[in-house]
Amino acid sequence: MKLELKNNPILADYQAHVKAFCTLNGWNKTSPTELFLLFMEEVGELAKAIRKEQNLFYEEAKKHKKFDLEEEFADVFGYLLDLANHFDIDLEKAYREKHAINEQRKWD
């Protein structure tokens, strides 16, 4: 069964899509700790892709593809959505509330 993400999705649509996809594949039984560790693995892979793209800490220039970066960003986004779903966090609501707080802060 293929799950379709609707055109022009909002953040809630992405969260619902990830939830359905994880349930379909039996990944909804993953513990919070394991899920967070998987998320961190993906963040590490994104860091490596950025280092390659920026040619940081490599003695020789490494060829990369923009797709590598896009793929790693997508993986991190997917795991973030899955984590939020696991804890019943509405990411759009959380972002808006935190952004309102940040707008009132003085940034030094």
C-alpha atoms as a PDB file:
ATOM      1  CA  MET A   1       0.000   0.000   0.000  1.00  0.00           C
ATOM      2  CA  LYS A   2       1.351   3.396  -0.993  1.00  0.00           C
ATOM      3  CA  LEU A   3       0.529   6.406   1.174  1.00  0.00           C
ATOM      4  CA  GLU A   4       0.097   9.653  -0.702  1.00  0.00           C
ATOM      5  CA  LEU A   5       0.933  13.032   0.772  1.00  0.00           C
ATOM      6  CA  LYS A   6      -1.573  15.599  -0.443  1.00  0.00           C
ATOM      7  CA  ASN A   7      -0.476  18.514  -2.614  1.00  0.00           C
ATOM      8  CA  ASN A   8       0.511  21.683  -0.761  1.00  0.00           C
ATOM      9  CA  PRO A   9       0.589  20.002   2.646  1.00  0.00           C
ATOM     10  CA  ILE A  10       0.722  21.900   5.899  1.00  0.00           C
ATOM     11  CA  LEU A  11       2.872  20.716   8.791  1.00  0.00           C
ATOM     12  CA  ALA A  12      -0.027  18.750  10.315  1.00  0.00           C
ATOM     13  CA  ASP A  13      -0.341  16.841   7.022  1.00  0.00           C
ATOM     14  CA  TYR A  14       3.329  15.849   7.197  1.00  0.00           C
ATOM     15  CA  GLN A  15       2.876  14.673  10.784  1.00  0.00           C
ATOM     16  CA  ALA A  16      -0.200  12.626   9.847  1.00  0.00           C
ATOM     17  CA  HIS A  17       1.607  11.149   6.833  1.00  0.00           C
ATOM     18  CA  VAL A  18       4.609  10.085   8.943  1.00  0.00           C
ATOM     19  CA  LYS A  19       2.304   8.604  11.584  1.00  0.00           C
ATOM     20  CA  ALA A  20       0.421   6.556   8.999  1.00  0.00           C
ATOM     21  CA  PHE A  21       3.648   5.453   7.289  1.00  0.00           C
ATOM     22  CA  CYS A  22       5.230   4.364  10.587  1.00  0.00           C
ATOM     23  CA  THR A  23       2.077   2.494  11.603  1.00  0.00           C
ATOM     24  CA  LEU A  24       1.894   0.777   8.215  1.00  0.00           C
ATOM     25  CA  ASN A  25       5.477  -0.433   8.572  1.00  0.00           C
ATOM     26  CA  GLY A  26       5.213  -1.395  12.255  1.00  0.00           C
ATOM     27  CA  TRP A  27       7.616   1.334  13.358  1.00  0.00           C
ATOM     28  CA  ASN A  28       5.084   2.881  15.729  1.00  0.00           C
ATOM     29  CA  LYS A  29       6.236   0.467  18.437  1.00  0.00           C
ATOM     30  CA  THR A  30       9.731   1.981  18.625  1.00  0.00           C
ATOM     31  CA  SER A  31      10.678   3.213  22.108  1.00  0.00           C
ATOM     32  CA  PRO A  32      11.276   6.937  22.636  1.00  0.00           C
ATOM     33  CA  THR A  33      14.933   6.283  23.419  1.00  0.00           C
ATOM     34  CA  GLU A  34      15.510   4.227  20.279  1.00  0.00           C
ATOM     35  CA  LEU A  35      13.638   6.760  18.173  1.00  0.00           C
ATOM     36  CA  PHE A  36      15.729   9.616  19.547  1.00  0.00           C
ATOM     37  CA  LEU A  37      18.944   7.705  18.871  1.00  0.00           C
ATOM     38  CA  LEU A  38      17.838   7.060  15.288  1.00  0.00           C
ATOM     39  CA  PHE A  39      17.075  10.773  14.945  1.00  0.00           C
ATOM     40  CA  MET A  40      20.560  11.638  16.210  1.00  0.00           C
ATOM     41  CA  GLU A  41      22.118   9.195  13.727  1.00  0.00           C
ATOM     42  CA  GLU A  42      20.361  11.068  10.945  1.00  0.00           C
ATOM     43  CA  VAL A  43      21.560  14.418  12.322  1.00  0.00           C
ATOM     44  CA  GLY A  44      25.099  12.998  12.190  1.00  0.00           C
ATOM     45  CA  GLU A  45      24.617  11.917   8.583  1.00  0.00           C
ATOM     46  CA  LEU A  46      23.372  15.417   7.761  1.00  0.00           C
ATOM     47  CA  ALA A  47      26.449  16.902   9.448  1.00  0.00           C
ATOM     48  CA  LYS A  48      28.698  14.677   7.330  1.00  0.00           C
ATOM     49  CA  ALA A  49      26.876  15.646   4.131  1.00  0.00           C
ATOM     50  CA  ILE A  50      27.264  19.347   5.020  1.00  0.00           C
ATOM     51  CA  ARG A  51      30.973  18.855   5.744  1.00  0.00           C
ATOM     52  CA  LYS A  52      31.394  17.203   2.347  1.00  0.00           C
ATOM     53  CA  GLU A  53      29.422  19.930   0.596  1.00  0.00           C
ATOM     54  CA  GLN A  54      31.489  22.643   2.296  1.00  0.00           C
ATOM     55  CA  ASN A  55      34.699  20.649   1.799  1.00  0.00           C
ATOM     56  CA  LEU A  56      35.456  20.877   5.525  1.00  0.00           C
ATOM     57  CA  PHE A  57      37.967  18.562   7.158  1.00  0.00           C
ATOM     58  CA  TYR A  58      38.649  16.683   3.942  1.00  0.00           C
ATOM     59  CA  GLU A  59      42.159  16.583   2.527  1.00  0.00           C
ATOM     60  CA  GLU A  60      40.864  15.969  -0.957  1.00  0.00           C
ATOM     61  CA  ALA A  61      37.822  17.489  -2.517  1.00  0.00           C
ATOM     62  CA  LYS A  62      35.037  14.927  -2.406  1.00  0.00           C
ATOM     63  CA  LYS A  63      32.362  14.854  -5.013  1.00  0.00           C
ATOM     64  CA  HIS A  64      28.901  15.200  -3.631  1.00  0.00           C
ATOM     65  CA  LYS A  65      25.448  15.531  -5.010  1.00  0.00           C
ATOM     66  CA  LYS A  66      22.901  18.049  -3.821  1.00  0.00           C
ATOM     67  CA  PHE A  67      20.605  15.050  -3.488  1.00  0.00           C
ATOM     68  CA  ASP A  68      22.780  13.832  -0.583  1.00  0.00           C
ATOM     69  CA  LEU A  69      21.999  16.983   1.368  1.00  0.00           C
ATOM     70  CA  GLU A  70      18.329  16.922   0.417  1.00  0.00           C
ATOM     71  CA  GLU A  71      18.049  13.276   1.409  1.00  0.00           C
ATOM     72  CA  GLU A  72      19.658  13.847   4.811  1.00  0.00           C
ATOM     73  CA  PHE A  73      17.508  16.913   5.540  1.00  0.00           C
ATOM     74  CA  ALA A  74      14.436  14.843   4.634  1.00  0.00           C
ATOM     75  CA  ASP A  75      15.528  12.008   6.942  1.00  0.00           C
ATOM     76  CA  VAL A  76      16.049  14.419   9.866  1.00  0.00           C
ATOM     77  CA  PHE A  77      12.672  16.046   9.177  1.00  0.00           C
ATOM     78  CA  GLY A  78      10.942  12.662   9.069  1.00  0.00           C
ATOM     79  CA  TYR A  79      12.436  11.543  12.367  1.00  0.00           C
ATOM     80  CA  LEU A  80      11.593  14.894  13.983  1.00  0.00           C
ATOM     81  CA  LEU A  81       7.976  14.468  12.891  1.00  0.00           C
ATOM     82  CA  ASP A  82       7.941  10.904  14.209  1.00  0.00           C
ATOM     83  CA  LEU A  83       9.350  12.018  17.574  1.00  0.00           C
ATOM     84  CA  ALA A  84       6.756  14.773  17.834  1.00  0.00           C
ATOM     85  CA  ASN A  85       4.002  12.294  17.025  1.00  0.00           C
ATOM     86  CA  HIS A  86       5.295   9.892  19.652  1.00  0.00           C
ATOM     87  CA  PHE A  87       4.923  12.571  22.325  1.00  0.00           C
ATOM     88  CA  ASP A  88       1.634  13.940  20.879  1.00  0.00           C
ATOM     89  CA  ILE A  89       3.218  17.285  20.033  1.00  0.00           C
ATOM     90  CA  ASP A  90       1.554  19.455  17.408  1.00  0.00           C
ATOM     91  CA  LEU A  91       4.702  20.932  15.868  1.00  0.00           C
ATOM     92  CA  GLU A  92       2.950  23.850  14.211  1.00  0.00           C
ATOM     93  CA  LYS A  93       1.290  24.876  17.472  1.00  0.00           C
ATOM     94  CA  ALA A  94       4.536  24.374  19.409  1.00  0.00           C
ATOM     95  CA  TYR A  95       6.488  26.428  16.877  1.00  0.00           C
ATOM     96  CA  ARG A  96       3.985  29.276  16.881  1.00  0.00           C
ATOM     97  CA  GLU A  97       3.907  29.411  20.694  1.00  0.00           C
ATOM     98  CA  LYS A  98       7.708  29.316  20.986  1.00  0.00           C
ATOM     99  CA  HIS A  99       8.106  31.895  18.221  1.00  0.00           C
ATOM    100  CA  ALA A 100       5.761  34.263  20.092  1.00  0.00           C
ATOM    101  CA  ILE A 101       7.983  33.893  23.165  1.00  0.00           C
ATOM    102  CA  ASN A 102      11.125  34.465  21.116  1.00  0.00           C
ATOM    103  CA  GLU A 103       9.681  37.636  19.585  1.00  0.00           C
ATOM    104  CA  GLN A 104       9.447  39.115  23.084  1.00  0.00           C
ATOM    105  CA  ARG A 105      12.996  38.173  24.058  1.00  0.00           C
ATOM    106  CA  LYS A 106      15.940  40.517  23.943  1.00  0.00           C
ATOM    107  CA  TRP A 107      18.714  38.908  21.956  1.00  0.00           C
ATOM    108  CA  ASP A 108      22.208  39.950  22.979  1.00  0.00           C
END
